[in-house]
Protein backbone atom coordinates (compact mmCIF):
# COMPACT_ATOMS: atom_id res chain seq x y z
CA MET A 1 77.42 -29.53 39.46
CA THR A 2 78.69 -29.58 42.59
CA ALA A 3 79.94 -27.17 44.61
CA VAL A 4 83.17 -27.45 46.44
CA VAL A 5 85.41 -25.22 48.50
CA THR A 6 88.88 -25.00 48.94
CA VAL A 7 90.20 -26.23 52.27
CA ALA A 8 94.39 -25.81 52.79
CA GLY A 9 96.45 -28.23 53.60
CA ALA A 10 98.70 -27.42 56.84
CA THR A 11 101.08 -30.54 56.29
CA ASP A 12 104.65 -30.24 56.73
CA SER A 13 105.57 -31.36 52.56
CA GLY A 14 103.63 -28.30 51.52
CA ALA A 15 101.10 -29.57 49.73
CA PRO A 16 98.33 -27.48 47.86
CA PRO A 17 95.15 -26.56 49.05
CA ARG A 18 92.61 -29.47 48.30
CA SER A 19 89.16 -28.78 46.72
CA VAL A 20 86.20 -30.98 48.40
CA PRO A 21 82.61 -30.74 47.99
CA LEU A 22 80.47 -27.87 50.00
CA ALA A 23 78.34 -30.53 51.91
CA ALA A 24 81.18 -32.14 53.53
CA ALA A 25 82.60 -28.49 54.31
CA PHE A 26 79.54 -27.55 56.56
CA ALA A 27 80.19 -31.68 57.41
CA SER A 28 82.94 -31.12 59.02
CA GLY A 29 81.91 -28.71 61.89
CA PRO A 30 78.97 -26.74 63.10
CA TYR A 31 80.22 -23.75 62.51
CA PRO A 32 79.60 -23.35 59.32
CA LEU A 33 75.85 -24.18 59.76
CA LEU A 34 75.98 -21.42 62.57
CA VAL A 35 76.43 -19.16 59.48
CA LEU A 36 74.60 -19.55 57.57
CA GLY A 37 71.30 -20.30 60.35
CA VAL A 38 72.09 -17.19 61.90
CA SER A 39 72.34 -15.02 58.60
CA THR A 40 68.90 -16.46 57.50
CA VAL A 41 67.38 -14.98 60.99
CA ALA A 42 68.85 -12.23 60.87
CA LEU A 43 67.64 -12.12 57.25
CA VAL A 44 63.83 -12.54 57.75
CA LEU A 45 63.83 -10.37 61.10
CA GLY A 46 65.09 -7.69 58.42
CA VAL A 47 62.30 -8.43 56.27
CA TRP A 48 59.65 -8.93 58.76
CA GLY A 49 60.57 -5.31 60.91
CA LEU A 50 60.35 -3.47 57.56
CA THR A 51 56.92 -4.74 56.56
CA ALA A 52 56.25 -3.42 60.45
CA TRP A 53 57.82 -0.44 59.65
CA TRP A 54 56.07 -0.35 56.59
CA GLY A 55 52.47 -0.56 57.66
CA GLY A 56 52.47 1.10 60.88
CA ARG A 57 53.67 4.19 58.51
CA ALA A 58 50.67 3.74 56.75
CA ASP A 59 48.65 2.82 59.99
CA ARG A 60 49.83 6.60 60.72
CA ALA A 61 48.94 8.15 57.70
CA ALA A 62 45.25 6.82 57.80
CA LEU A 63 45.22 8.06 61.31
CA VAL A 64 46.42 11.35 61.26
CA GLU A 65 44.05 12.11 57.89
CA ARG A 66 40.86 10.51 59.85
CA LEU A 67 41.68 12.32 62.72
CA ALA A 68 41.88 15.51 60.18
CA GLY A 69 38.31 14.72 58.77
CA ALA A 70 37.03 14.70 61.53
CA THR A 71 38.13 18.07 62.88
CA GLY A 72 36.94 19.88 59.64
CA SER A 73 41.12 20.35 59.23
CA THR A 74 42.24 19.98 55.56
CA ASN A 75 45.94 20.64 56.54
CA ARG A 76 48.98 17.39 55.44
CA GLN A 77 52.46 18.19 55.43
CA ALA A 78 53.27 19.43 52.07
CA PRO A 79 55.72 17.43 50.19
CA PHE A 80 59.23 18.29 50.25
CA ALA A 81 58.52 20.11 53.90
CA GLY A 82 62.19 19.29 55.01
CA LEU A 83 63.19 20.99 51.24
CA ASP A 84 60.67 23.99 52.07
CA ARG A 85 62.37 25.20 55.80
CA ARG A 86 65.76 24.88 54.30
CA VAL A 87 65.22 26.97 51.47
CA ARG A 88 62.93 29.77 53.42
CA ARG A 89 66.13 30.38 55.31
CA TYR A 90 68.01 31.80 52.92
CA ALA A 91 67.55 35.33 51.48
CA TRP A 92 66.43 34.29 47.97
CA GLY A 93 64.49 31.97 49.61
CA GLN A 94 62.50 34.41 51.38
CA ARG A 95 62.46 36.38 47.95
CA LEU A 96 61.52 33.01 45.84
CA ALA A 97 57.93 33.16 48.40
CA GLY A 98 57.57 35.94 47.41
CA ARG A 99 57.23 35.63 43.33
CA LEU A 100 55.28 32.64 44.72
CA ALA A 101 52.24 34.27 46.72
CA ALA A 102 52.28 37.15 43.66
CA THR A 103 51.35 33.89 41.40
CA GLY A 104 48.44 32.58 42.81
CA THR A 105 50.05 28.79 42.86
CA ASP A 106 50.21 26.47 46.02
CA LEU A 107 54.01 25.89 45.47
CA THR A 108 56.23 26.30 48.21
CA PRO A 109 59.69 27.33 47.86
CA GLY A 110 60.85 24.11 48.56
CA GLN A 111 58.45 22.09 45.93
CA PHE A 112 59.45 24.96 42.90
CA THR A 113 63.06 24.01 44.25
CA ALA A 114 63.20 20.49 43.20
CA SER A 115 60.58 21.23 40.18
CA VAL A 116 63.68 22.93 38.79
CA ALA A 117 66.18 21.10 40.13
CA GLY A 118 64.58 17.62 38.58
CA PHE A 119 64.39 20.26 35.56
CA VAL A 120 67.42 21.15 35.05
CA VAL A 121 69.79 18.20 35.59
CA GLY A 122 66.72 16.12 32.80
CA ALA A 123 67.00 18.97 30.42
CA TRP A 124 71.50 18.42 30.96
CA ILE A 125 71.51 14.47 29.97
CA ALA A 126 68.46 14.78 27.56
CA ALA A 127 70.41 17.57 25.88
CA ALA A 128 73.87 15.24 26.46
CA VAL A 129 72.18 12.28 25.11
CA VAL A 130 69.80 13.54 21.64
CA LEU A 131 72.73 16.79 20.52
CA ALA A 132 75.76 16.54 21.87
CA PRO A 133 77.38 16.57 26.18
CA PHE A 134 79.02 20.09 24.95
CA PHE A 135 75.26 20.99 24.95
CA GLY A 136 74.33 19.80 28.18
CA PRO A 137 75.14 22.62 30.82
CA ILE A 138 73.46 24.70 27.59
CA ALA A 139 70.52 23.43 28.20
CA ALA A 140 70.23 23.15 32.53
CA LEU A 141 71.22 27.01 32.17
CA LEU A 142 67.99 27.66 29.78
CA ALA A 143 66.53 25.05 32.09
CA ALA A 144 67.17 27.23 34.73
CA TRP A 145 66.07 30.19 33.27
CA ALA A 146 63.14 28.46 32.08
CA GLY A 147 61.66 28.38 35.49
CA SER A 148 61.63 31.81 36.74
CA SER A 149 60.32 32.64 33.24
CA PHE A 150 58.29 30.66 34.54
CA LEU A 151 57.13 33.08 37.89
CA GLU A 152 57.31 35.52 35.89
CA TRP A 153 54.74 34.58 33.49
CA ARG A 154 52.19 33.08 35.95
CA ARG A 155 52.70 36.85 38.35
CA ARG A 156 52.48 38.41 34.48
CA VAL A 157 48.59 36.63 33.23
CA ARG A 158 47.59 36.89 37.03
CA ASN A 159 48.18 40.90 37.26
CA GLU A 160 46.38 41.11 34.36
CA ARG A 161 43.76 38.99 35.32
CA PHE A 162 43.34 41.04 38.05
CA ILE A 163 43.47 44.32 35.74
CA ALA A 164 40.57 43.23 33.61
CA GLN A 165 38.48 43.14 37.13
CA LEU A 166 39.85 46.68 38.09
CA PRO A 167 36.38 48.06 36.72
CA GLU A 168 34.26 45.79 38.05
CA LEU A 169 36.22 45.92 41.49
CA ALA A 170 35.18 49.83 41.52
CA ARG A 171 32.30 49.32 40.10
CA VAL A 172 31.04 47.69 43.88
CA LEU A 173 33.40 49.48 45.89
CA ALA A 174 30.74 52.69 43.87
CA ASN A 175 27.62 51.13 45.23
CA ALA A 176 27.73 49.55 48.38
CA THR A 177 29.83 53.50 49.18
CA GLN A 178 26.70 55.33 47.68
CA ALA A 179 24.57 52.84 49.82
CA GLY A 180 26.07 54.23 52.87
CA LEU A 181 28.70 51.51 53.86
CA ALA A 182 32.09 51.66 55.24
CA LEU A 183 35.43 51.41 53.27
CA ARG A 184 36.37 48.41 54.96
CA THR A 185 32.47 47.06 54.39
CA ALA A 186 32.75 47.41 51.67
CA VAL A 187 35.72 45.42 50.57
CA SER A 188 35.22 43.32 52.18
CA MET A 189 31.53 42.77 50.46
CA ALA A 190 34.05 42.83 46.97
CA ALA A 191 36.45 40.18 48.16
CA GLU A 192 33.08 37.78 48.42
CA GLU A 193 31.20 38.92 45.37
CA LEU A 194 34.17 39.18 42.69
CA GLU A 195 35.59 35.98 41.21
CA ALA A 196 39.31 35.23 41.79
CA PRO A 197 42.25 36.91 41.57
CA ALA A 198 40.34 40.25 42.77
CA GLY A 199 38.35 38.09 45.45
CA GLU A 200 41.34 36.54 46.94
CA GLU A 201 43.32 39.86 46.92
CA LEU A 202 40.96 41.69 48.27
CA LYS A 203 40.29 39.35 51.50
CA GLN A 204 44.07 39.68 51.98
CA VAL A 205 42.45 43.66 52.27
CA ALA A 206 39.78 42.85 54.59
CA ASP A 207 42.02 40.14 57.08
CA ALA A 208 44.56 42.53 57.04
CA MET A 209 42.24 45.66 58.25
CA ALA A 210 40.74 43.13 60.64
CA LEU A 211 43.63 42.81 62.13
CA GLY A 212 44.12 46.35 62.88
CA HIS A 213 45.60 47.92 59.71
CA SER A 214 44.63 50.79 57.73
CA VAL A 215 43.63 51.13 54.67
CA GLU A 216 46.82 52.69 53.21
CA ASP A 217 48.79 49.99 54.23
CA ALA A 218 46.75 47.30 53.42
CA LEU A 219 46.43 48.78 50.41
CA GLY A 220 49.12 49.28 49.92
CA GLU A 221 50.17 45.76 50.37
CA LEU A 222 48.38 44.75 47.66
CA GLN A 223 50.02 47.73 45.49
CA GLN A 224 53.95 45.85 46.13
CA ARG A 225 52.21 42.36 44.83
CA LEU A 226 49.86 43.51 42.51
CA PRO A 227 51.79 46.45 40.43
CA SER A 228 50.20 48.20 38.08
CA ARG A 229 49.30 51.64 36.62
CA GLU A 230 45.24 51.06 37.20
CA LEU A 231 45.82 49.90 40.87
CA ILE A 232 48.04 52.86 41.61
CA VAL A 233 45.05 55.07 39.91
CA LEU A 234 42.42 53.33 41.89
CA VAL A 235 44.74 52.98 45.51
CA SER A 236 45.51 56.96 45.39
CA THR A 237 41.63 57.11 45.09
CA LEU A 238 40.65 55.02 48.25
CA VAL A 239 43.28 56.47 50.18
CA LEU A 240 42.47 60.47 49.68
CA SER A 241 39.14 59.57 49.87
CA SER A 242 39.47 57.72 53.16
CA ARG A 243 41.81 60.84 54.65
CA ALA A 244 39.83 63.90 53.23
CA GLY A 245 36.25 62.57 53.24
CA GLY A 246 34.71 64.18 49.65
CA SER A 247 32.52 62.40 47.22
CA VAL A 248 33.95 58.75 47.20
CA VAL A 249 30.87 57.49 45.03
CA GLU A 250 31.48 60.18 41.75
CA SER A 251 35.02 59.37 41.70
CA LEU A 252 34.88 55.68 41.62
CA ARG A 253 32.26 55.59 38.77
CA ASN A 254 34.54 58.01 36.92
CA LEU A 255 37.78 55.87 37.40
CA THR A 256 35.30 52.87 36.28
CA VAL A 257 35.18 54.32 32.92
CA THR A 258 38.29 55.63 32.58
CA LEU A 259 39.39 51.68 33.58
CA GLU A 260 36.90 50.20 31.11
CA GLU A 261 38.67 52.73 28.37
CA ARG A 262 42.30 51.79 29.31
CA LYS A 263 41.58 47.72 29.29
CA GLU A 264 39.55 47.91 25.51
CA THR A 265 43.34 49.64 24.44
CA ARG A 266 44.99 47.22 26.13
CA ARG A 267 43.18 44.20 24.24
CA GLU A 268 43.78 46.05 20.91
CA ILE A 269 46.87 46.46 21.39
CA ARG A 270 47.86 43.14 23.12
CA THR A 271 45.51 41.32 19.52
CA GLN A 272 47.88 43.63 17.09
CA MET A 273 51.60 42.37 18.83
CA SER A 274 50.31 38.98 18.97
CA GLN A 275 52.15 38.20 15.61
CA VAL A 276 55.71 39.85 16.98
CA THR A 277 55.34 38.21 19.93
CA VAL A 278 54.74 34.42 17.96
CA THR A 279 57.70 35.85 16.04
CA ALA A 280 60.31 35.99 19.38
CA TYR A 281 59.45 32.40 20.77
CA ALA A 282 59.78 31.37 16.87
CA VAL A 283 63.45 32.11 16.75
CA PRO A 284 65.00 30.59 18.87
CA VAL A 285 62.93 27.42 17.93
CA ILE A 286 63.83 27.37 14.73
CA GLY A 287 67.99 27.57 15.81
CA LEU A 288 67.27 24.33 17.59
CA GLY A 289 65.16 22.63 14.77
CA SER A 290 67.70 23.56 12.65
CA LEU A 291 70.48 21.51 15.05
CA LEU A 292 68.40 18.89 15.22
CA LEU A 293 67.89 18.71 11.64
CA MET A 294 71.48 19.36 10.95
CA ASP A 295 72.22 16.03 13.47
CA ARG A 296 69.64 13.29 11.98
CA ILE A 297 71.01 14.47 8.20
CA MET A 298 74.53 13.94 8.95
CA PRO A 299 74.94 11.76 12.69
CA GLY A 300 77.35 12.65 15.05
CA SER A 301 78.00 16.55 13.19
CA LEU A 302 77.44 18.02 15.85
CA SER A 303 79.52 16.01 18.34
CA ALA A 304 82.53 16.27 15.76
CA MET A 305 81.87 19.80 15.67
CA THR A 306 81.53 20.86 19.14
CA GLY A 307 84.51 18.71 19.82
CA SER A 308 86.94 21.27 18.72
CA ASN A 309 87.86 24.86 20.54
CA ALA A 310 86.57 26.61 16.86
CA GLY A 311 83.23 25.12 17.08
CA ARG A 312 82.42 25.47 21.16
CA ILE A 313 82.87 29.08 19.82
CA ALA A 314 80.78 28.78 16.67
CA VAL A 315 78.05 27.66 18.73
CA LEU A 316 78.19 30.20 21.67
CA ILE A 317 78.09 32.87 19.53
CA SER A 318 75.10 31.95 17.62
CA LEU A 319 73.33 31.04 20.79
CA GLY A 320 74.45 34.62 22.05
CA LEU A 321 72.55 35.49 18.66
CA TYR A 322 69.10 33.97 19.17
CA VAL A 323 69.36 35.28 22.22
CA VAL A 324 69.95 38.87 21.25
CA GLY A 325 67.33 38.52 18.20
CA PHE A 326 64.99 36.93 20.93
CA ALA A 327 65.32 39.78 23.75
CA LEU A 328 65.01 42.40 20.90
CA ILE A 329 62.14 40.73 19.59
CA ARG A 330 60.70 41.53 22.68
CA ARG A 331 61.46 44.30 23.99
CA MET A 332 59.82 45.68 20.73
CA SER A 333 56.36 44.11 21.26
CA ARG A 334 56.73 45.38 24.43
CA ILE A 335 54.41 48.82 24.83
CA ASP A 336 53.48 50.25 28.28
CA VAL A 337 50.00 51.86 28.15
């Protein structure tokens, strides 16, 4: 097939435009060939420039990595560093950084914000496609709540692990104090001997005291990061002993026995309430499964149900009841010891 171009006629008779082959149009003057040549050169230069920029970026990254290895530094720019700086400017970003620090994860506020945003968007699209468009915003809200609950769950797990290490921590401090070591030295030694999270937290306490913070301030920061009744008792014992003196060893040994008993009590309660905890999570799963089953038995039923105001109100009431049931069951399974 021969390509043709339309050439406007400039005659007095008003003849319609005529079509000529493309090759003839390029042969009729130098301007079409000039435009084609300039476009080709610009395209080649653009591809070459993009390739050079990408290669230079890779060389720079390799050079930074070699320099970091030569100096023994392992610091690298974390992903979403720009977003992290923007998030930290706000009050909620600073609170988020504190919550992430309490969980012991390596996530930055920018990384967590980007992850939650992607999860929210993915949940919205998945719910709108699988169920109905009406469930998209609801799934997005649930995804945002799941991100916040994830932080709370990680903080609670880390707190439980730290509480489980408190008897061993009290025993190490008692042995070090009995050997004649000062409390600052005993804390540093416990930070080296104990595993995470107790080792990491005590290292922060030891570093704070090395910078000039008092024992009370350093232990108070630890108590704010990992709040628990057991830690309050331990911190109070150490602070009072450092202030007024007295038999620190005897107090720590008695505290070790008490913490061991509380540890066993907490384990028994958690074992007995495990069935209630599973029930709390099974309730919303059953509700979601019933929606999926209904849509598979009668395709399009969810879209038809949420197409009217009455259907939307009924769905919202049902979801509200599931949320209330989940909250009540979780509240029944929560026993403070």
